[in-house]
């Protein structure tokens, strides 16, 4: 699955993924508090995802330090590094890059199944729903609702380190495309990036082995 991430992210981003838990992985003391009361399965996913993060940091050439949970549960990376972490049933992954090359990273994975009843109405508007319906007629083998949901999660993960602010599902218009890309147009004022207001994100998606994976890498110097 690391190969799948390499297909979605530029060479400047180092990604590490696993489809099972690492029995030898341990948490650093700074990471323990985040799962102190978690059930065993949640703790195992979190621990393996943090091990992926430290391996990715090592491959990048950064120190393999603890990656604690910060504000709004965002991972806290060492100085000069940006990244994102995701874990769900059957997948744990982390992606990191030097901030001099990549401004922000978003990464999310979800099971390739339909959203639970009622969730689509919460995370989309009428325009997005119409676009998903059209895509469904073109590619009925793809769970477009889950791709949209996952892509919005990746958007938030890329947005938050730039702003320190919440971004609701309604605050970005998401348009996935059959070619494996998606665009997110911000409906709220974006941060200043290299002297210009950021108005949206571009990312990629893939469906592999029963999973939806979405990723964003905002290059440094591009607004």
N, C-alpha and C. Protein backbone atom coordinates (compact mmCIF):
# COMPACT_ATOMS: atom_id res chain seq x y z
N UNK A 1 0.82 -1.21 0.00
CA UNK A 1 0.00 0.00 0.00
C UNK A 1 0.86 1.27 0.00
N UNK A 2 2.12 1.15 0.39
CA UNK A 2 3.01 2.30 0.28
C UNK A 2 3.14 2.72 -1.18
N UNK A 3 3.12 1.73 -2.09
CA UNK A 3 3.19 2.04 -3.51
C UNK A 3 1.98 2.85 -3.95
N UNK A 4 0.82 2.53 -3.41
CA UNK A 4 -0.39 3.29 -3.75
C UNK A 4 -0.23 4.75 -3.34
N UNK A 5 0.36 5.00 -2.18
CA UNK A 5 0.58 6.38 -1.74
C UNK A 5 1.58 7.09 -2.64
N UNK A 6 2.59 6.36 -3.09
CA UNK A 6 3.58 6.97 -3.99
C UNK A 6 2.93 7.42 -5.28
N UNK A 7 1.87 6.74 -5.69
CA UNK A 7 1.16 7.12 -6.91
C UNK A 7 0.32 8.39 -6.70
N UNK A 8 -0.01 8.69 -5.45
CA UNK A 8 -0.88 9.83 -5.15
C UNK A 8 -0.13 11.08 -4.73
N UNK A 9 1.12 10.93 -4.33
CA UNK A 9 1.89 12.03 -3.76
C UNK A 9 3.16 12.29 -4.58
N UNK A 10 3.64 13.53 -4.58
CA UNK A 10 4.86 13.84 -5.34
C UNK A 10 6.10 13.25 -4.68
N UNK A 11 7.22 13.18 -5.41
CA UNK A 11 8.44 12.59 -4.87
C UNK A 11 8.96 13.26 -3.61
N UNK A 12 8.63 14.53 -3.40
CA UNK A 12 9.11 15.24 -2.21
C UNK A 12 8.48 14.72 -0.93
N UNK A 13 7.39 13.96 -1.05
CA UNK A 13 6.69 13.43 0.12
C UNK A 13 7.08 11.97 0.31
N UNK A 14 7.48 11.64 1.53
CA UNK A 14 7.82 10.26 1.89
C UNK A 14 6.65 9.66 2.64
N UNK A 15 6.15 8.53 2.16
CA UNK A 15 5.00 7.88 2.78
C UNK A 15 5.34 6.44 3.17
N UNK A 16 4.78 6.02 4.30
CA UNK A 16 4.93 4.64 4.78
C UNK A 16 3.55 4.15 5.18
N UNK A 17 3.20 2.94 4.75
CA UNK A 17 1.88 2.39 5.06
C UNK A 17 2.00 0.91 5.42
N UNK A 18 1.03 0.46 6.22
CA UNK A 18 0.89 -0.95 6.57
C UNK A 18 -0.58 -1.33 6.51
N UNK A 19 -0.83 -2.60 6.25
CA UNK A 19 -2.20 -3.09 6.25
C UNK A 19 -2.50 -3.91 7.50
N UNK A 20 -1.50 -4.06 8.38
CA UNK A 20 -1.70 -4.77 9.63
C UNK A 20 -1.00 -4.02 10.75
N UNK A 21 -1.15 -4.46 11.96
CA UNK A 21 -0.49 -3.80 13.07
C UNK A 21 0.90 -4.37 13.30
N UNK A 22 1.79 -3.52 13.72
CA UNK A 22 3.17 -3.88 14.00
C UNK A 22 3.26 -4.33 15.46
N UNK A 23 3.45 -5.62 15.71
CA UNK A 23 3.48 -6.09 17.10
C UNK A 23 4.64 -5.55 17.91
N UNK A 24 5.67 -5.07 17.23
CA UNK A 24 6.83 -4.54 17.94
C UNK A 24 6.78 -3.04 18.16
N UNK A 25 5.75 -2.38 17.65
CA UNK A 25 5.66 -0.92 17.77
C UNK A 25 5.30 -0.51 19.19
N UNK A 26 5.94 0.55 19.64
CA UNK A 26 5.64 1.09 20.97
C UNK A 26 5.46 2.60 20.85
N UNK A 27 4.70 3.16 21.76
CA UNK A 27 4.49 4.60 21.78
C UNK A 27 5.53 5.29 22.64
N UNK A 28 5.90 6.50 22.24
CA UNK A 28 6.74 7.35 23.07
C UNK A 28 5.87 7.90 24.21
N UNK A 29 6.47 8.26 25.33
CA UNK A 29 5.68 8.80 26.44
C UNK A 29 4.79 9.98 26.04
N UNK A 30 5.28 10.83 25.14
CA UNK A 30 4.50 12.00 24.73
C UNK A 30 3.27 11.62 23.91
N UNK A 31 3.25 10.39 23.39
CA UNK A 31 2.13 9.94 22.56
C UNK A 31 1.09 9.15 23.36
N UNK A 32 1.46 8.67 24.54
CA UNK A 32 0.62 7.77 25.32
C UNK A 32 -0.72 8.39 25.71
N UNK A 33 -0.72 9.66 26.05
CA UNK A 33 -1.94 10.28 26.58
C UNK A 33 -3.10 10.22 25.59
N UNK A 34 -2.79 10.24 24.30
CA UNK A 34 -3.84 10.28 23.28
C UNK A 34 -4.68 9.01 23.25
N UNK A 35 -4.13 7.90 23.71
CA UNK A 35 -4.87 6.63 23.68
C UNK A 35 -4.90 5.96 25.05
N UNK A 36 -4.75 6.75 26.09
CA UNK A 36 -4.69 6.19 27.44
C UNK A 36 -5.95 5.42 27.78
N UNK A 37 -7.09 5.86 27.27
CA UNK A 37 -8.35 5.18 27.59
C UNK A 37 -8.96 4.49 26.37
N UNK A 38 -8.18 4.31 25.33
CA UNK A 38 -8.69 3.72 24.09
C UNK A 38 -8.82 2.20 24.22
N UNK A 39 -9.74 1.64 23.43
CA UNK A 39 -9.86 0.18 23.37
C UNK A 39 -8.63 -0.37 22.66
N UNK A 40 -8.42 -1.66 22.78
CA UNK A 40 -7.19 -2.28 22.28
C UNK A 40 -7.01 -2.09 20.78
N UNK A 41 -8.10 -2.22 20.01
CA UNK A 41 -7.96 -2.09 18.56
C UNK A 41 -7.58 -0.68 18.16
N UNK A 42 -8.19 0.30 18.79
CA UNK A 42 -7.86 1.70 18.51
C UNK A 42 -6.41 1.99 18.90
N UNK A 43 -5.99 1.48 20.05
CA UNK A 43 -4.61 1.70 20.49
C UNK A 43 -3.62 1.08 19.51
N UNK A 44 -3.93 -0.13 19.03
CA UNK A 44 -3.02 -0.80 18.10
C UNK A 44 -2.90 -0.02 16.79
N UNK A 45 -4.03 0.45 16.26
CA UNK A 45 -4.00 1.26 15.03
C UNK A 45 -3.15 2.51 15.23
N UNK A 46 -3.40 3.21 16.34
CA UNK A 46 -2.68 4.45 16.63
C UNK A 46 -1.18 4.19 16.76
N UNK A 47 -0.83 3.13 17.48
CA UNK A 47 0.58 2.82 17.71
C UNK A 47 1.29 2.50 16.40
N UNK A 48 0.66 1.69 15.56
CA UNK A 48 1.28 1.34 14.28
C UNK A 48 1.38 2.57 13.38
N UNK A 49 0.37 3.42 13.39
CA UNK A 49 0.43 4.64 12.58
C UNK A 49 1.57 5.54 13.03
N UNK A 50 1.79 5.63 14.35
CA UNK A 50 2.93 6.42 14.84
C UNK A 50 4.26 5.77 14.44
N UNK A 51 4.31 4.46 14.43
CA UNK A 51 5.53 3.78 13.96
C UNK A 51 5.77 4.09 12.48
N UNK A 52 4.70 4.12 11.69
CA UNK A 52 4.82 4.52 10.29
C UNK A 52 5.37 5.94 10.18
N UNK A 53 4.89 6.82 11.06
CA UNK A 53 5.34 8.21 11.03
C UNK A 53 6.83 8.30 11.32
N UNK A 54 7.31 7.56 12.32
CA UNK A 54 8.74 7.63 12.64
C UNK A 54 9.59 7.01 11.52
N UNK A 55 9.08 5.96 10.90
CA UNK A 55 9.83 5.39 9.76
C UNK A 55 9.87 6.38 8.60
N UNK A 56 8.75 7.07 8.37
CA UNK A 56 8.73 8.07 7.30
C UNK A 56 9.69 9.21 7.60
N UNK A 57 9.74 9.65 8.85
CA UNK A 57 10.68 10.71 9.24
C UNK A 57 12.13 10.26 8.99
N UNK A 58 12.44 9.02 9.34
CA UNK A 58 13.79 8.50 9.13
C UNK A 58 14.14 8.49 7.64
N UNK A 59 13.21 8.03 6.81
CA UNK A 59 13.45 7.99 5.37
C UNK A 59 13.61 9.39 4.79
N UNK A 60 12.92 10.35 5.39
CA UNK A 60 13.04 11.74 4.94
C UNK A 60 14.40 12.33 5.30
N UNK A 61 15.01 11.80 6.36
CA UNK A 61 16.26 12.35 6.87
C UNK A 61 16.06 13.24 8.06
N UNK A 62 14.88 13.17 8.66
CA UNK A 62 14.56 13.95 9.86
C UNK A 62 14.70 13.05 11.08
N UNK A 63 14.79 13.63 12.27
CA UNK A 63 14.88 12.81 13.47
C UNK A 63 13.59 12.03 13.70
N UNK A 64 13.71 10.77 14.08
CA UNK A 64 12.55 9.91 14.33
C UNK A 64 12.03 10.14 15.74
N UNK A 65 11.48 11.31 15.96
CA UNK A 65 11.02 11.71 17.29
C UNK A 65 9.56 11.32 17.50
N UNK A 66 9.09 11.53 18.72
CA UNK A 66 7.68 11.31 19.02
C UNK A 66 6.83 12.27 18.19
N UNK A 67 5.63 11.81 17.85
CA UNK A 67 4.68 12.64 17.12
C UNK A 67 3.41 12.71 17.96
N UNK A 68 3.40 13.60 18.93
CA UNK A 68 2.24 13.67 19.83
C UNK A 68 1.02 14.28 19.14
N UNK A 69 -0.10 14.18 19.82
CA UNK A 69 -1.34 14.77 19.33
C UNK A 69 -1.44 16.20 19.86
N UNK A 70 -1.68 17.15 18.94
CA UNK A 70 -1.79 18.55 19.32
C UNK A 70 -3.21 19.04 19.28
N UNK A 71 -3.35 20.31 18.98
CA UNK A 71 -4.67 20.94 18.93
C UNK A 71 -5.54 20.26 17.89
N UNK A 72 -6.80 20.02 18.24
CA UNK A 72 -7.79 19.34 17.38
C UNK A 72 -7.25 18.03 16.83
N UNK A 73 -6.43 17.37 17.66
CA UNK A 73 -5.90 16.04 17.38
C UNK A 73 -4.97 16.00 16.17
N UNK A 74 -4.45 17.14 15.75
CA UNK A 74 -3.49 17.17 14.66
C UNK A 74 -2.13 16.68 15.15
N UNK A 75 -1.40 15.90 14.36
CA UNK A 75 -0.06 15.47 14.77
C UNK A 75 0.90 16.65 14.85
N UNK A 76 1.80 16.59 15.83
CA UNK A 76 2.81 17.63 16.01
C UNK A 76 4.13 17.12 15.47
N UNK A 77 4.57 17.70 14.35
CA UNK A 77 5.79 17.25 13.68
C UNK A 77 7.00 18.04 14.15
N UNK A 78 8.20 17.48 13.97
CA UNK A 78 9.40 18.25 14.32
C UNK A 78 9.53 19.48 13.44
N UNK A 79 10.28 20.45 13.91
CA UNK A 79 10.47 21.70 13.18
C UNK A 79 10.99 21.42 11.77
N UNK A 80 10.38 22.11 10.79
CA UNK A 80 10.80 21.97 9.41
C UNK A 80 10.14 20.84 8.65
N UNK A 81 9.23 20.12 9.31
CA UNK A 81 8.56 18.98 8.69
C UNK A 81 7.06 19.21 8.69
N UNK A 82 6.40 18.83 7.60
CA UNK A 82 4.94 18.79 7.54
C UNK A 82 4.53 17.36 7.25
N UNK A 83 3.29 17.02 7.58
CA UNK A 83 2.87 15.66 7.32
C UNK A 83 1.44 15.41 7.73
N UNK A 84 1.02 14.17 7.55
CA UNK A 84 -0.33 13.75 7.92
C UNK A 84 -0.30 12.26 8.24
N UNK A 85 -1.25 11.84 9.07
CA UNK A 85 -1.37 10.45 9.49
C UNK A 85 -2.82 10.02 9.29
N UNK A 86 -3.02 8.77 8.92
CA UNK A 86 -4.37 8.22 8.84
C UNK A 86 -4.34 6.76 9.28
N UNK A 87 -5.44 6.32 9.85
CA UNK A 87 -5.58 4.89 10.13
C UNK A 87 -7.06 4.53 10.18
N UNK A 88 -7.36 3.39 9.58
CA UNK A 88 -8.70 2.83 9.59
C UNK A 88 -8.56 1.33 9.54
N UNK A 89 -9.65 0.62 9.54
CA UNK A 89 -9.58 -0.85 9.48
C UNK A 89 -8.81 -1.28 8.24
N UNK A 90 -7.70 -1.98 8.45
CA UNK A 90 -6.90 -2.50 7.36
C UNK A 90 -5.89 -1.55 6.76
N UNK A 91 -5.67 -0.40 7.40
CA UNK A 91 -4.72 0.56 6.81
C UNK A 91 -4.21 1.52 7.88
N UNK A 92 -2.90 1.71 7.94
CA UNK A 92 -2.25 2.70 8.80
C UNK A 92 -1.17 3.35 7.95
N UNK A 93 -1.07 4.67 7.96
CA UNK A 93 -0.10 5.32 7.08
C UNK A 93 0.27 6.70 7.60
N UNK A 94 1.44 7.15 7.17
CA UNK A 94 1.91 8.50 7.45
C UNK A 94 2.65 9.00 6.23
N UNK A 95 2.58 10.31 6.01
CA UNK A 95 3.30 10.94 4.90
C UNK A 95 3.92 12.23 5.41
N UNK A 96 5.20 12.45 5.09
CA UNK A 96 5.91 13.62 5.59
C UNK A 96 6.75 14.24 4.48
N UNK A 97 7.07 15.52 4.66
CA UNK A 97 7.91 16.24 3.70
C UNK A 97 8.57 17.40 4.43
N UNK A 98 9.62 17.92 3.83
CA UNK A 98 10.24 19.13 4.35
C UNK A 98 9.36 20.32 4.00
N UNK A 99 9.16 21.21 4.96
CA UNK A 99 8.28 22.36 4.74
C UNK A 99 8.85 23.33 3.70
N UNK A 100 10.15 23.26 3.43
CA UNK A 100 10.74 24.10 2.39
C UNK A 100 10.30 23.65 1.00
N UNK A 101 9.84 22.41 0.89
CA UNK A 101 9.42 21.87 -0.41
C UNK A 101 7.91 21.70 -0.53
N UNK A 102 7.27 21.37 0.56
CA UNK A 102 5.83 21.15 0.57
C UNK A 102 5.22 21.96 1.71
N UNK A 103 4.21 22.74 1.39
CA UNK A 103 3.62 23.62 2.40
C UNK A 103 2.74 22.86 3.38
N UNK A 104 1.99 21.88 2.88
CA UNK A 104 1.08 21.14 3.75
C UNK A 104 0.72 19.82 3.08
N UNK A 105 0.38 18.83 3.91
CA UNK A 105 0.01 17.50 3.43
C UNK A 105 -1.33 17.10 4.03
N UNK A 106 -2.18 16.48 3.21
CA UNK A 106 -3.42 15.88 3.69
C UNK A 106 -3.47 14.44 3.27
N UNK A 107 -3.92 13.56 4.14
CA UNK A 107 -3.96 12.12 3.83
C UNK A 107 -5.11 11.49 4.60
N UNK A 108 -5.91 10.68 3.89
CA UNK A 108 -7.01 9.99 4.55
C UNK A 108 -7.27 8.66 3.85
N UNK A 109 -7.73 7.67 4.61
CA UNK A 109 -8.14 6.38 4.07
C UNK A 109 -9.42 5.95 4.74
N UNK A 110 -10.29 5.33 3.97
CA UNK A 110 -11.59 4.87 4.45
C UNK A 110 -11.93 3.56 3.75
N UNK A 111 -12.73 2.70 4.38
CA UNK A 111 -13.23 1.52 3.66
C UNK A 111 -14.07 1.95 2.45
N UNK A 112 -13.92 1.23 1.34
CA UNK A 112 -14.63 1.57 0.12
C UNK A 112 -16.05 1.01 0.17
N UNK A 113 -16.84 1.58 1.06
CA UNK A 113 -18.24 1.19 1.23
C UNK A 113 -19.06 2.47 1.33
N UNK A 114 -20.38 2.33 1.19
CA UNK A 114 -21.24 3.51 1.23
C UNK A 114 -21.19 4.19 2.59
N UNK A 115 -21.37 5.51 2.58
CA UNK A 115 -21.51 6.24 3.83
C UNK A 115 -22.75 5.76 4.58
N UNK A 116 -22.74 5.81 5.89
CA UNK A 116 -23.95 5.45 6.64
C UNK A 116 -25.13 6.34 6.25
N UNK A 117 -26.33 5.82 6.42
CA UNK A 117 -27.53 6.57 6.08
C UNK A 117 -27.53 7.94 6.75
N UNK A 118 -27.84 8.95 5.97
CA UNK A 118 -27.96 10.30 6.50
C UNK A 118 -26.69 11.12 6.48
N UNK A 119 -25.53 10.47 6.37
CA UNK A 119 -24.27 11.21 6.45
C UNK A 119 -24.05 12.07 5.21
N UNK A 120 -24.44 11.57 4.04
CA UNK A 120 -24.20 12.33 2.82
C UNK A 120 -24.88 13.69 2.87
N UNK A 121 -26.06 13.76 3.42
CA UNK A 121 -26.78 15.04 3.51
C UNK A 121 -26.05 16.02 4.43
N UNK A 122 -25.31 15.49 5.38
CA UNK A 122 -24.59 16.34 6.34
C UNK A 122 -23.31 16.91 5.73
N UNK A 123 -22.64 16.14 4.89
CA UNK A 123 -21.31 16.53 4.41
C UNK A 123 -21.33 17.14 3.01
N UNK A 124 -22.50 17.22 2.36
CA UNK A 124 -22.58 17.77 1.00
C UNK A 124 -23.74 18.74 0.88
N UNK A 125 -23.71 19.52 -0.20
CA UNK A 125 -24.86 20.34 -0.55
C UNK A 125 -25.50 19.76 -1.82
N UNK A 126 -26.55 20.43 -2.30
CA UNK A 126 -27.29 19.91 -3.45
C UNK A 126 -26.41 19.80 -4.69
N UNK A 127 -25.53 20.78 -4.91
CA UNK A 127 -24.66 20.74 -6.07
C UNK A 127 -23.70 19.57 -6.02
N UNK A 128 -23.12 19.32 -4.87
CA UNK A 128 -22.20 18.18 -4.73
C UNK A 128 -22.94 16.86 -4.91
N UNK A 129 -24.16 16.78 -4.37
CA UNK A 129 -24.94 15.56 -4.51
C UNK A 129 -25.27 15.29 -5.97
N UNK A 130 -25.62 16.33 -6.73
CA UNK A 130 -25.91 16.15 -8.15
C UNK A 130 -24.68 15.68 -8.90
N UNK A 131 -23.51 16.25 -8.56
CA UNK A 131 -22.27 15.84 -9.22
C UNK A 131 -21.94 14.38 -8.90
N UNK A 132 -22.16 13.96 -7.66
CA UNK A 132 -21.91 12.56 -7.30
C UNK A 132 -22.85 11.62 -8.05
N UNK A 133 -24.11 12.03 -8.19
CA UNK A 133 -25.06 11.19 -8.92
C UNK A 133 -24.62 11.00 -10.37
N UNK A 134 -24.14 12.08 -10.99
CA UNK A 134 -23.66 11.98 -12.38
C UNK A 134 -22.45 11.06 -12.46
N UNK A 135 -21.54 11.17 -11.53
CA UNK A 135 -20.37 10.29 -11.52
C UNK A 135 -20.79 8.84 -11.31
N UNK A 136 -21.80 8.62 -10.49
CA UNK A 136 -22.27 7.27 -10.24
C UNK A 136 -22.85 6.63 -11.48
N UNK A 137 -23.48 7.42 -12.32
CA UNK A 137 -23.99 6.87 -13.57
C UNK A 137 -22.85 6.52 -14.52
N UNK A 138 -21.77 7.29 -14.46
CA UNK A 138 -20.62 7.04 -15.33
C UNK A 138 -19.76 5.89 -14.83
N UNK A 139 -19.55 5.84 -13.51
CA UNK A 139 -18.71 4.80 -12.90
C UNK A 139 -19.45 4.21 -11.69
N UNK A 140 -20.40 3.33 -11.92
CA UNK A 140 -21.17 2.79 -10.79
C UNK A 140 -20.35 1.87 -9.87
N UNK A 141 -19.14 1.50 -10.27
CA UNK A 141 -18.31 0.64 -9.45
C UNK A 141 -17.59 1.40 -8.33
N UNK A 142 -17.67 2.72 -8.35
CA UNK A 142 -16.95 3.55 -7.39
C UNK A 142 -17.92 4.14 -6.38
N UNK A 143 -17.55 4.10 -5.10
CA UNK A 143 -18.35 4.73 -4.05
C UNK A 143 -17.95 6.21 -3.99
N UNK A 144 -18.59 7.01 -4.82
CA UNK A 144 -18.23 8.42 -4.91
C UNK A 144 -18.52 9.18 -3.63
N UNK A 145 -19.55 8.74 -2.90
CA UNK A 145 -19.84 9.41 -1.63
C UNK A 145 -18.68 9.26 -0.65
N UNK A 146 -18.06 8.07 -0.64
CA UNK A 146 -16.95 7.87 0.28
C UNK A 146 -15.70 8.59 -0.21
N UNK A 147 -15.50 8.68 -1.53
CA UNK A 147 -14.37 9.45 -2.04
C UNK A 147 -14.51 10.91 -1.64
N UNK A 148 -15.71 11.47 -1.78
CA UNK A 148 -15.92 12.86 -1.38
C UNK A 148 -15.64 13.04 0.11
N UNK A 149 -16.18 12.15 0.93
CA UNK A 149 -15.97 12.25 2.37
C UNK A 149 -14.49 12.19 2.72
N UNK A 150 -13.78 11.21 2.15
CA UNK A 150 -12.36 11.07 2.44
C UNK A 150 -11.57 12.29 1.95
N UNK A 151 -11.92 12.78 0.76
CA UNK A 151 -11.21 13.95 0.22
C UNK A 151 -11.41 15.17 1.12
N UNK A 152 -12.62 15.33 1.67
CA UNK A 152 -12.84 16.46 2.58
C UNK A 152 -12.03 16.30 3.87
N UNK A 153 -11.84 15.06 4.30
CA UNK A 153 -10.97 14.83 5.45
C UNK A 153 -9.53 15.23 5.12
N UNK A 154 -9.07 14.87 3.92
CA UNK A 154 -7.71 15.26 3.51
C UNK A 154 -7.59 16.77 3.40
N UNK A 155 -8.64 17.42 2.89
CA UNK A 155 -8.63 18.88 2.80
C UNK A 155 -8.45 19.50 4.19
N UNK A 156 -9.21 18.99 5.14
CA UNK A 156 -9.09 19.55 6.50
C UNK A 156 -7.68 19.35 7.05
N UNK A 157 -7.11 18.18 6.83
CA UNK A 157 -5.77 17.91 7.36
C UNK A 157 -4.72 18.81 6.71
N UNK A 158 -4.93 19.18 5.44
CA UNK A 158 -4.01 20.10 4.78
C UNK A 158 -4.27 21.54 5.21
N UNK A 159 -5.52 21.87 5.50
CA UNK A 159 -5.92 23.22 5.88
C UNK A 159 -5.46 23.61 7.28
N UNK A 160 -5.66 22.71 8.25
CA UNK A 160 -5.48 23.09 9.65
C UNK A 160 -4.07 23.57 9.99
N UNK A 161 -3.01 22.90 9.52
CA UNK A 161 -1.67 23.42 9.86
C UNK A 161 -1.39 24.81 9.29
N UNK A 162 -2.10 25.18 8.23
CA UNK A 162 -1.90 26.50 7.63
C UNK A 162 -2.64 27.60 8.36
N UNK A 163 -3.70 27.23 9.08
CA UNK A 163 -4.60 28.23 9.66
C UNK A 163 -4.81 28.11 11.15
N UNK A 164 -4.72 26.89 11.68
CA UNK A 164 -5.09 26.67 13.07
C UNK A 164 -6.58 26.83 13.30
N UNK A 165 -7.37 26.77 12.22
CA UNK A 165 -8.82 26.98 12.33
C UNK A 165 -9.58 25.75 11.84
N UNK A 166 -10.78 25.59 12.40
CA UNK A 166 -11.68 24.53 11.96
C UNK A 166 -12.15 24.81 10.55
N UNK A 167 -12.38 23.77 9.78
CA UNK A 167 -12.98 23.87 8.45
C UNK A 167 -14.09 22.84 8.38
N UNK A 168 -15.33 23.31 8.27
CA UNK A 168 -16.45 22.40 8.23
C UNK A 168 -16.62 21.77 6.86
N UNK A 169 -17.41 20.69 6.80
CA UNK A 169 -17.67 20.04 5.53
C UNK A 169 -18.29 21.01 4.53
N UNK A 170 -19.08 21.95 5.03
CA UNK A 170 -19.76 22.90 4.16
C UNK A 170 -18.86 24.03 3.69
N UNK A 171 -17.65 24.10 4.21
CA UNK A 171 -16.76 25.23 3.91
C UNK A 171 -15.88 25.00 2.69
N UNK A 172 -16.01 23.86 2.05
CA UNK A 172 -15.25 23.59 0.82
C UNK A 172 -16.13 22.79 -0.13
N UNK A 173 -16.18 23.22 -1.37
CA UNK A 173 -16.93 22.50 -2.40
C UNK A 173 -16.00 21.48 -3.04
N UNK A 174 -16.37 20.22 -2.94
CA UNK A 174 -15.49 19.13 -3.38
C UNK A 174 -16.00 18.54 -4.68
N UNK A 175 -15.11 18.41 -5.65
CA UNK A 175 -15.45 17.82 -6.93
C UNK A 175 -14.43 16.73 -7.28
N UNK A 176 -14.78 15.45 -7.07
CA UNK A 176 -13.92 14.38 -7.55
C UNK A 176 -14.11 14.16 -9.04
N UNK A 177 -13.09 13.64 -9.70
CA UNK A 177 -13.15 13.39 -11.14
C UNK A 177 -12.78 11.93 -11.42
N UNK A 178 -13.30 11.37 -12.52
CA UNK A 178 -13.00 9.97 -12.83
C UNK A 178 -11.53 9.67 -13.07
N UNK A 179 -10.73 10.70 -13.36
CA UNK A 179 -9.31 10.46 -13.66
C UNK A 179 -8.45 10.30 -12.42
N UNK A 180 -9.07 10.23 -11.24
CA UNK A 180 -8.29 10.03 -10.01
C UNK A 180 -7.83 11.31 -9.36
N UNK A 181 -8.43 12.44 -9.73
CA UNK A 181 -8.09 13.72 -9.10
C UNK A 181 -9.33 14.29 -8.43
N UNK A 182 -9.13 15.30 -7.60
CA UNK A 182 -10.24 16.06 -7.05
C UNK A 182 -9.80 17.49 -6.80
N UNK A 183 -10.77 18.39 -6.79
CA UNK A 183 -10.52 19.78 -6.45
C UNK A 183 -11.43 20.18 -5.30
N UNK A 184 -10.93 21.03 -4.45
CA UNK A 184 -11.71 21.57 -3.34
C UNK A 184 -11.62 23.09 -3.40
N UNK A 185 -12.75 23.73 -3.60
CA UNK A 185 -12.80 25.18 -3.66
C UNK A 185 -13.28 25.71 -2.31
N UNK A 186 -12.47 26.53 -1.68
CA UNK A 186 -12.82 27.05 -0.37
C UNK A 186 -13.98 28.03 -0.45
N UNK A 187 -14.89 27.92 0.50
CA UNK A 187 -16.01 28.84 0.59
C UNK A 187 -15.83 29.84 1.73
N UNK A 188 -14.69 29.79 2.36
CA UNK A 188 -14.32 30.72 3.42
C UNK A 188 -12.97 31.32 3.06
N UNK A 189 -12.63 32.47 3.64
CA UNK A 189 -11.32 33.06 3.33
C UNK A 189 -10.19 32.10 3.67
N UNK A 190 -9.27 31.94 2.72
CA UNK A 190 -8.14 31.07 2.94
C UNK A 190 -6.95 31.80 3.51
N UNK A 191 -5.94 31.07 3.95
CA UNK A 191 -4.74 31.70 4.51
C UNK A 191 -3.89 32.34 3.42
N UNK A 192 -3.02 33.24 3.82
CA UNK A 192 -2.04 33.81 2.91
C UNK A 192 -0.92 32.79 2.72
N UNK A 193 -0.70 32.41 1.48
CA UNK A 193 0.37 31.47 1.15
C UNK A 193 1.25 32.11 0.10
N UNK A 194 2.47 32.44 0.49
CA UNK A 194 3.43 33.06 -0.43
C UNK A 194 2.87 34.33 -1.06
N UNK A 195 2.19 35.13 -0.24
CA UNK A 195 1.74 36.44 -0.70
C UNK A 195 0.41 36.46 -1.41
N UNK A 196 -0.29 35.32 -1.47
CA UNK A 196 -1.60 35.29 -2.12
C UNK A 196 -2.55 34.44 -1.29
N UNK A 197 -3.82 34.75 -1.38
CA UNK A 197 -4.80 33.98 -0.62
C UNK A 197 -5.01 32.61 -1.26
N UNK A 198 -4.95 31.58 -0.43
CA UNK A 198 -5.22 30.23 -0.90
C UNK A 198 -6.72 30.07 -1.11
N UNK A 199 -7.12 29.65 -2.29
CA UNK A 199 -8.54 29.53 -2.62
C UNK A 199 -9.01 28.09 -2.73
N UNK A 200 -8.10 27.14 -2.67
CA UNK A 200 -8.53 25.75 -2.77
C UNK A 200 -7.36 24.79 -2.78
N UNK A 201 -7.69 23.52 -2.91
CA UNK A 201 -6.70 22.45 -2.92
C UNK A 201 -6.96 21.52 -4.11
N UNK A 202 -5.90 20.92 -4.58
CA UNK A 202 -5.99 19.87 -5.59
C UNK A 202 -5.39 18.59 -5.02
N UNK A 203 -6.04 17.47 -5.24
CA UNK A 203 -5.54 16.22 -4.71
C UNK A 203 -5.80 15.05 -5.63
N UNK A 204 -5.46 13.87 -5.15
CA UNK A 204 -5.64 12.65 -5.93
C UNK A 204 -6.33 11.60 -5.06
N UNK A 205 -7.03 10.68 -5.72
CA UNK A 205 -7.68 9.58 -5.01
C UNK A 205 -7.41 8.27 -5.73
N UNK A 206 -7.55 7.19 -4.96
CA UNK A 206 -7.42 5.85 -5.54
C UNK A 206 -8.27 4.89 -4.73
N UNK A 207 -8.72 3.84 -5.39
CA UNK A 207 -9.41 2.74 -4.72
C UNK A 207 -8.55 1.51 -4.89
N UNK A 208 -8.06 0.98 -3.77
CA UNK A 208 -7.18 -0.19 -3.80
C UNK A 208 -7.56 -1.16 -2.68
N UNK A 209 -7.72 -2.41 -3.02
CA UNK A 209 -7.90 -3.46 -2.01
C UNK A 209 -8.99 -3.13 -1.00
N UNK A 210 -10.12 -2.60 -1.49
CA UNK A 210 -11.25 -2.32 -0.61
C UNK A 210 -11.15 -1.04 0.17
N UNK A 211 -10.20 -0.18 -0.18
CA UNK A 211 -10.01 1.09 0.52
C UNK A 211 -10.07 2.25 -0.45
N UNK A 212 -10.56 3.37 0.05
CA UNK A 212 -10.43 4.66 -0.63
C UNK A 212 -9.28 5.40 0.04
N UNK A 213 -8.35 5.90 -0.75
CA UNK A 213 -7.24 6.69 -0.23
C UNK A 213 -7.23 8.03 -0.96
N UNK A 214 -7.16 9.12 -0.21
CA UNK A 214 -7.07 10.45 -0.81
C UNK A 214 -5.86 11.18 -0.24
N UNK A 215 -5.27 12.04 -1.06
CA UNK A 215 -4.05 12.72 -0.64
C UNK A 215 -3.91 14.09 -1.29
N UNK A 216 -3.31 15.00 -0.55
CA UNK A 216 -3.03 16.36 -0.99
C UNK A 216 -1.60 16.70 -0.61
N UNK A 217 -0.87 17.33 -1.50
CA UNK A 217 0.44 17.90 -1.19
C UNK A 217 0.48 19.29 -1.80
N UNK A 218 0.44 20.31 -0.97
CA UNK A 218 0.48 21.69 -1.44
C UNK A 218 1.94 22.12 -1.57
N UNK A 219 2.42 22.31 -2.80
CA UNK A 219 3.85 22.64 -2.96
C UNK A 219 4.18 24.02 -2.35
N UNK A 220 5.36 24.14 -1.82
CA UNK A 220 5.82 25.44 -1.37
C UNK A 220 6.00 26.34 -2.58
N UNK A 221 5.61 27.59 -2.43
CA UNK A 221 5.74 28.53 -3.52
C UNK A 221 4.57 28.53 -4.47
N UNK A 222 3.51 27.74 -4.16
CA UNK A 222 2.32 27.70 -5.02
C UNK A 222 1.11 28.05 -4.17
N UNK A 223 0.36 29.03 -4.59
CA UNK A 223 -0.83 29.44 -3.85
C UNK A 223 -2.07 29.13 -4.68
